[in-house]
Amino acid sequence: MFDEYGQITECSLKYTKHGVFRKFAFVGFHGESAASSAVTQCNNTYIDTAKIQVLCVFLLVIMLVMAIS
């Protein structure tokens, strides 16, 4: 999904200690423009039926993706 905006350098899905997905992940991009494009194009969109929120953190290189619903 996010690779269409640029080269992904890192992706980390977050789970509880029991292995349940916590509904967020960090996605790192090679450059600031790729991260910015992902935020612009993906924030407040949906993955299946879950609305996602895409935010920039850590100098616009790491993306936080959270399923809202």
PDB file of N, CA and C in Angstrom:
ATOM      1  N   MET A   1       0.813  -1.194   0.000  1.00  0.00           N
ATOM      2  CA  MET A   1       0.000   0.000   0.000  1.00  0.00           C
ATOM      3  C   MET A   1       0.858   1.261   0.000  1.00  0.00           C
ATOM      4  N   PHE A   2       1.841   1.349   0.891  1.00  0.00           N
ATOM      5  CA  PHE A   2       2.639   2.572   0.998  1.00  0.00           C
ATOM      6  C   PHE A   2       3.807   2.622   0.030  1.00  0.00           C
ATOM      7  N   ASP A   3       4.179   1.499  -0.545  1.00  0.00           N
ATOM      8  CA  ASP A   3       5.332   1.489  -1.442  1.00  0.00           C
ATOM      9  C   ASP A   3       5.103   2.297  -2.721  1.00  0.00           C
ATOM     10  N   GLU A   4       3.864   2.594  -3.051  1.00  0.00           N
ATOM     11  CA  GLU A   4       3.618   3.413  -4.236  1.00  0.00           C
ATOM     12  C   GLU A   4       4.038   4.869  -4.035  1.00  0.00           C
ATOM     13  N   TYR A   5       4.344   5.274  -2.804  1.00  0.00           N
ATOM     14  CA  TYR A   5       4.739   6.661  -2.522  1.00  0.00           C
ATOM     15  C   TYR A   5       6.245   6.835  -2.426  1.00  0.00           C
ATOM     16  N   GLY A   6       6.980   5.736  -2.404  1.00  0.00           N
ATOM     17  CA  GLY A   6       8.438   5.819  -2.355  1.00  0.00           C
ATOM     18  C   GLY A   6       9.031   4.583  -1.718  1.00  0.00           C
ATOM     19  N   GLN A   7      10.346   4.560  -1.657  1.00  0.00           N
ATOM     20  CA  GLN A   7      11.058   3.411  -1.107  1.00  0.00           C
ATOM     21  C   GLN A   7      10.849   3.320   0.403  1.00  0.00           C
ATOM     22  N   ILE A   8      10.358   2.169   0.839  1.00  0.00           N
ATOM     23  CA  ILE A   8      10.167   1.922   2.271  1.00  0.00           C
ATOM     24  C   ILE A   8      11.472   1.389   2.839  1.00  0.00           C
ATOM     25  N   THR A   9      11.941   2.001   3.907  1.00  0.00           N
ATOM     26  CA  THR A   9      13.188   1.572   4.536  1.00  0.00           C
ATOM     27  C   THR A   9      12.951   0.734   5.785  1.00  0.00           C
ATOM     28  N   GLU A  10      11.742   0.820   6.319  1.00  0.00           N
ATOM     29  CA  GLU A  10      11.436   0.110   7.561  1.00  0.00           C
ATOM     30  C   GLU A  10       9.927  -0.022   7.701  1.00  0.00           C
ATOM     31  N   CYS A  11       9.485  -1.134   8.262  1.00  0.00           N
ATOM     32  CA  CYS A  11       8.077  -1.314   8.587  1.00  0.00           C
ATOM     33  C   CYS A  11       7.990  -2.165   9.840  1.00  0.00           C
ATOM     34  N   SER A  12       7.295  -1.670  10.838  1.00  0.00           N
ATOM     35  CA  SER A  12       7.207  -2.366  12.106  1.00  0.00           C
ATOM     36  C   SER A  12       5.760  -2.366  12.599  1.00  0.00           C
ATOM     37  N   LEU A  13       5.104  -3.535  12.513  1.00  0.00           N
ATOM     38  CA  LEU A  13       3.754  -3.684  13.040  1.00  0.00           C
ATOM     39  C   LEU A  13       3.861  -3.922  14.541  1.00  0.00           C
ATOM     40  N   LYS A  14       2.953  -3.381  15.307  1.00  0.00           N
ATOM     41  CA  LYS A  14       3.029  -3.477  16.762  1.00  0.00           C
ATOM     42  C   LYS A  14       1.996  -4.456  17.313  1.00  0.00           C
ATOM     43  N   TYR A  15       2.467  -5.327  18.199  1.00  0.00           N
ATOM     44  CA  TYR A  15       1.643  -6.387  18.798  1.00  0.00           C
ATOM     45  C   TYR A  15       1.749  -6.334  20.315  1.00  0.00           C
ATOM     46  N   THR A  16       0.725  -6.845  20.998  1.00  0.00           N
ATOM     47  CA  THR A  16       0.790  -6.985  22.449  1.00  0.00           C
ATOM     48  C   THR A  16       1.705  -8.155  22.786  1.00  0.00           C
ATOM     49  N   LYS A  17       2.002  -8.328  24.050  1.00  0.00           N
ATOM     50  CA  LYS A  17       2.850  -9.454  24.450  1.00  0.00           C
ATOM     51  C   LYS A  17       2.156 -10.794  24.202  1.00  0.00           C
ATOM     52  N   HIS A  18       0.849 -10.761  23.942  1.00  0.00           N
ATOM     53  CA  HIS A  18       0.084 -11.974  23.646  1.00  0.00           C
ATOM     54  C   HIS A  18      -0.080 -12.198  22.140  1.00  0.00           C
ATOM     55  N   GLY A  19       0.547 -11.351  21.342  1.00  0.00           N
ATOM     56  CA  GLY A  19       0.517 -11.519  19.894  1.00  0.00           C
ATOM     57  C   GLY A  19      -0.674 -10.926  19.184  1.00  0.00           C
ATOM     58  N   VAL A  20      -1.439 -10.065  19.873  1.00  0.00           N
ATOM     59  CA  VAL A  20      -2.608  -9.415  19.265  1.00  0.00           C
ATOM     60  C   VAL A  20      -2.156  -8.092  18.633  1.00  0.00           C
ATOM     61  N   PHE A  21      -2.514  -7.892  17.373  1.00  0.00           N
ATOM     62  CA  PHE A  21      -2.143  -6.665  16.670  1.00  0.00           C
ATOM     63  C   PHE A  21      -2.744  -5.456  17.378  1.00  0.00           C
ATOM     64  N   ARG A  22      -1.933  -4.442  17.654  1.00  0.00           N
ATOM     65  CA  ARG A  22      -2.374  -3.253  18.391  1.00  0.00           C
ATOM     66  C   ARG A  22      -2.975  -2.179  17.491  1.00  0.00           C
ATOM     67  N   LYS A  23      -3.098  -2.467  16.214  1.00  0.00           N
ATOM     68  CA  LYS A  23      -3.716  -1.580  15.228  1.00  0.00           C
ATOM     69  C   LYS A  23      -2.900  -0.325  14.933  1.00  0.00           C
ATOM     70  N   PHE A  24      -1.567  -0.454  15.017  1.00  0.00           N
ATOM     71  CA  PHE A  24      -0.727   0.616  14.503  1.00  0.00           C
ATOM     72  C   PHE A  24       0.624   0.067  14.085  1.00  0.00           C
ATOM     73  N   ALA A  25       1.293   0.847  13.246  1.00  0.00           N
ATOM     74  CA  ALA A  25       2.591   0.440  12.722  1.00  0.00           C
ATOM     75  C   ALA A  25       3.419   1.683  12.429  1.00  0.00           C
ATOM     76  N   PHE A  26       4.719   1.489  12.317  1.00  0.00           N
ATOM     77  CA  PHE A  26       5.628   2.537  11.886  1.00  0.00           C
ATOM     78  C   PHE A  26       6.165   2.140  10.514  1.00  0.00           C
ATOM     79  N   VAL A  27       6.096   3.079   9.563  1.00  0.00           N
ATOM     80  CA  VAL A  27       6.611   2.842   8.220  1.00  0.00           C
ATOM     81  C   VAL A  27       7.630   3.935   7.936  1.00  0.00           C
ATOM     82  N   GLY A  28       8.849   3.529   7.622  1.00  0.00           N
ATOM     83  CA  GLY A  28       9.909   4.490   7.314  1.00  0.00           C
ATOM     84  C   GLY A  28      10.100   4.611   5.817  1.00  0.00           C
ATOM     85  N   PHE A  29      10.321   5.823   5.341  1.00  0.00           N
ATOM     86  CA  PHE A  29      10.556   6.079   3.924  1.00  0.00           C
ATOM     87  C   PHE A  29      11.974   6.604   3.723  1.00  0.00           C
ATOM     88  N   HIS A  30      12.466   6.421   2.494  1.00  0.00           N
ATOM     89  CA  HIS A  30      13.819   6.865   2.154  1.00  0.00           C
ATOM     90  C   HIS A  30      13.950   8.383   2.168  1.00  0.00           C
ATOM     91  N   GLY A  31      12.919   9.088   1.828  1.00  0.00           N
ATOM     92  CA  GLY A  31      13.022  10.546   1.768  1.00  0.00           C
ATOM     93  C   GLY A  31      11.786  11.237   2.300  1.00  0.00           C
ATOM     94  N   GLU A  32      11.968  12.508   2.587  1.00  0.00           N
ATOM     95  CA  GLU A  32      10.885  13.338   3.133  1.00  0.00           C
ATOM     96  C   GLU A  32       9.724  13.469   2.163  1.00  0.00           C
ATOM     97  N   SER A  33       9.995  13.567   0.866  1.00  0.00           N
ATOM     98  CA  SER A  33       8.905  13.742  -0.099  1.00  0.00           C
ATOM     99  C   SER A  33       8.018  12.500  -0.179  1.00  0.00           C
ATOM    100  N   ALA A  34       8.610  11.315  -0.039  1.00  0.00           N
ATOM    101  CA  ALA A  34       7.822  10.082  -0.045  1.00  0.00           C
ATOM    102  C   ALA A  34       6.917  10.035   1.180  1.00  0.00           C
ATOM    103  N   ALA A  35       7.456  10.387   2.332  1.00  0.00           N
ATOM    104  CA  ALA A  35       6.664  10.390   3.560  1.00  0.00           C
ATOM    105  C   ALA A  35       5.532  11.402   3.470  1.00  0.00           C
ATOM    106  N   SER A  36       5.829  12.572   2.960  1.00  0.00           N
ATOM    107  CA  SER A  36       4.822  13.615   2.817  1.00  0.00           C
ATOM    108  C   SER A  36       3.707  13.189   1.859  1.00  0.00           C
ATOM    109  N   SER A  37       4.069  12.539   0.766  1.00  0.00           N
ATOM    110  CA  SER A  37       3.064  12.038  -0.188  1.00  0.00           C
ATOM    111  C   SER A  37       2.164  10.996   0.446  1.00  0.00           C
ATOM    112  N   ALA A  38       2.749  10.107   1.232  1.00  0.00           N
ATOM    113  CA  ALA A  38       1.953   9.074   1.903  1.00  0.00           C
ATOM    114  C   ALA A  38       0.955   9.697   2.870  1.00  0.00           C
ATOM    115  N   VAL A  39       1.381  10.715   3.599  1.00  0.00           N
ATOM    116  CA  VAL A  39       0.471  11.392   4.524  1.00  0.00           C
ATOM    117  C   VAL A  39      -0.660  12.056   3.742  1.00  0.00           C
ATOM    118  N   THR A  40      -0.314  12.795   2.710  1.00  0.00           N
ATOM    119  CA  THR A  40      -1.310  13.517   1.915  1.00  0.00           C
ATOM    120  C   THR A  40      -2.323  12.573   1.287  1.00  0.00           C
ATOM    121  N   GLN A  41      -1.858  11.466   0.743  1.00  0.00           N
ATOM    122  CA  GLN A  41      -2.730  10.558   0.013  1.00  0.00           C
ATOM    123  C   GLN A  41      -3.467   9.538   0.891  1.00  0.00           C
ATOM    124  N   CYS A  42      -2.916   9.209   2.058  1.00  0.00           N
ATOM    125  CA  CYS A  42      -3.474   8.098   2.847  1.00  0.00           C
ATOM    126  C   CYS A  42      -4.177   8.503   4.145  1.00  0.00           C
ATOM    127  N   ASN A  43      -3.912   9.678   4.659  1.00  0.00           N
ATOM    128  CA  ASN A  43      -4.530  10.070   5.928  1.00  0.00           C
ATOM    129  C   ASN A  43      -6.052  10.093   5.804  1.00  0.00           C
ATOM    130  N   ASN A  44      -6.714   9.526   6.790  1.00  0.00           N
ATOM    131  CA  ASN A  44      -8.181   9.448   6.849  1.00  0.00           C
ATOM    132  C   ASN A  44      -8.790   8.666   5.692  1.00  0.00           C
ATOM    133  N   THR A  45      -8.058   7.648   5.226  1.00  0.00           N
ATOM    134  CA  THR A  45      -8.602   6.730   4.228  1.00  0.00           C
ATOM    135  C   THR A  45      -8.905   5.404   4.927  1.00  0.00           C
ATOM    136  N   TYR A  46      -9.195   4.375   4.158  1.00  0.00           N
ATOM    137  CA  TYR A  46      -9.591   3.089   4.744  1.00  0.00           C
ATOM    138  C   TYR A  46      -8.713   1.951   4.244  1.00  0.00           C
ATOM    139  N   ILE A  47      -8.440   1.013   5.119  1.00  0.00           N
ATOM    140  CA  ILE A  47      -7.894  -0.293   4.771  1.00  0.00           C
ATOM    141  C   ILE A  47      -9.007  -1.267   5.116  1.00  0.00           C
ATOM    142  N   ASP A  48      -9.573  -1.868   4.098  1.00  0.00           N
ATOM    143  CA  ASP A  48     -10.794  -2.663   4.254  1.00  0.00           C
ATOM    144  C   ASP A  48     -11.855  -1.782   4.910  1.00  0.00           C
ATOM    145  N   THR A  49     -12.315  -2.112   6.100  1.00  0.00           N
ATOM    146  CA  THR A  49     -13.339  -1.301   6.767  1.00  0.00           C
ATOM    147  C   THR A  49     -12.773  -0.428   7.876  1.00  0.00           C
ATOM    148  N   ALA A  50     -11.450  -0.471   8.075  1.00  0.00           N
ATOM    149  CA  ALA A  50     -10.822   0.315   9.146  1.00  0.00           C
ATOM    150  C   ALA A  50     -10.315   1.654   8.604  1.00  0.00           C
ATOM    151  N   LYS A  51     -10.783   2.744   9.191  1.00  0.00           N
ATOM    152  CA  LYS A  51     -10.284   4.067   8.816  1.00  0.00           C
ATOM    153  C   LYS A  51      -8.892   4.224   9.409  1.00  0.00           C
ATOM    154  N   ILE A  52      -7.957   4.748   8.605  1.00  0.00           N
ATOM    155  CA  ILE A  52      -6.599   4.912   9.102  1.00  0.00           C
ATOM    156  C   ILE A  52      -6.236   6.382   9.206  1.00  0.00           C
ATOM    157  N   GLN A  53      -5.307   6.637  10.086  1.00  0.00           N
ATOM    158  CA  GLN A  53      -4.761   7.967  10.297  1.00  0.00           C
ATOM    159  C   GLN A  53      -3.264   7.855  10.052  1.00  0.00           C
ATOM    160  N   VAL A  54      -2.722   8.684   9.185  1.00  0.00           N
ATOM    161  CA  VAL A  54      -1.306   8.645   8.855  1.00  0.00           C
ATOM    162  C   VAL A  54      -0.687   9.962   9.295  1.00  0.00           C
ATOM    163  N   LEU A  55       0.319   9.872  10.134  1.00  0.00           N
ATOM    164  CA  LEU A  55       0.959  11.050  10.706  1.00  0.00           C
ATOM    165  C   LEU A  55       2.454  11.011  10.468  1.00  0.00           C
ATOM    166  N   CYS A  56       3.084  12.163  10.397  1.00  0.00           N
ATOM    167  CA  CYS A  56       4.539  12.243  10.298  1.00  0.00           C
ATOM    168  C   CYS A  56       5.129  12.460  11.685  1.00  0.00           C
ATOM    169  N   VAL A  57       6.140  11.686  11.979  1.00  0.00           N
ATOM    170  CA  VAL A  57       6.921  11.873  13.204  1.00  0.00           C
ATOM    171  C   VAL A  57       8.383  11.659  12.858  1.00  0.00           C
ATOM    172  N   PHE A  58       9.273  12.072  13.709  1.00  0.00           N
ATOM    173  CA  PHE A  58      10.715  11.897  13.497  1.00  0.00           C
ATOM    174  C   PHE A  58      11.176  12.498  12.174  1.00  0.00           C
ATOM    175  N   LEU A  59      11.062  13.776  12.039  1.00  0.00           N
ATOM    176  CA  LEU A  59      11.563  14.507  10.870  1.00  0.00           C
ATOM    177  C   LEU A  59      10.943  14.067   9.548  1.00  0.00           C
ATOM    178  N   LEU A  60       9.678  13.745   9.555  1.00  0.00           N
ATOM    179  CA  LEU A  60       8.924  13.385   8.353  1.00  0.00           C
ATOM    180  C   LEU A  60       9.465  12.153   7.638  1.00  0.00           C
ATOM    181  N   VAL A  61      10.121  11.267   8.349  1.00  0.00           N
ATOM    182  CA  VAL A  61      10.657  10.080   7.703  1.00  0.00           C
ATOM    183  C   VAL A  61       9.935   8.823   8.174  1.00  0.00           C
ATOM    184  N   ILE A  62       9.483   8.788   9.404  1.00  0.00           N
ATOM    185  CA  ILE A  62       8.780   7.624   9.933  1.00  0.00           C
ATOM    186  C   ILE A  62       7.291   7.945   9.961  1.00  0.00           C
ATOM    187  N   MET A  63       6.478   7.020   9.484  1.00  0.00           N
ATOM    188  CA  MET A  63       5.043   7.216   9.428  1.00  0.00           C
ATOM    189  C   MET A  63       4.364   6.390  10.504  1.00  0.00           C
ATOM    190  N   LEU A  64       3.391   6.947  11.164  1.00  0.00           N
ATOM    191  CA  LEU A  64       2.577   6.219  12.124  1.00  0.00           C
ATOM    192  C   LEU A  64       1.237   5.947  11.465  1.00  0.00           C
ATOM    193  N   VAL A  65       0.875   4.697  11.390  1.00  0.00           N
ATOM    194  CA  VAL A  65      -0.386   4.295  10.771  1.00  0.00           C
ATOM    195  C   VAL A  65      -1.240   3.653  11.830  1.00  0.00           C
ATOM    196  N   MET A  66      -2.417   4.219  12.082  1.00  0.00           N
ATOM    197  CA  MET A  66      -3.290   3.688  13.120  1.00  0.00           C
ATOM    198  C   MET A  66      -4.661   3.390  12.521  1.00  0.00           C
ATOM    199  N   ALA A  67      -5.180   2.246  12.860  1.00  0.00           N
ATOM    200  CA  ALA A  67      -6.542   1.931  12.482  1.00  0.00           C
ATOM    201  C   ALA A  67      -7.453   2.567  13.523  1.00  0.00           C
ATOM    202  N   ILE A  68      -8.335   3.429  13.098  1.00  0.00           N
ATOM    203  CA  ILE A  68      -9.214   4.151  14.015  1.00  0.00           C
ATOM    204  C   ILE A  68     -10.413   3.304  14.385  1.00  0.00           C
ATOM    205  N   SER A  69     -10.905   2.510  13.460  1.00  0.00           N
ATOM    206  CA  SER A  69     -12.084   1.703  13.767  1.00  0.00           C
ATOM    207  C   SER A  69     -11.801   0.232  13.639  1.00  0.00           C
TER     208      SER A  69
END
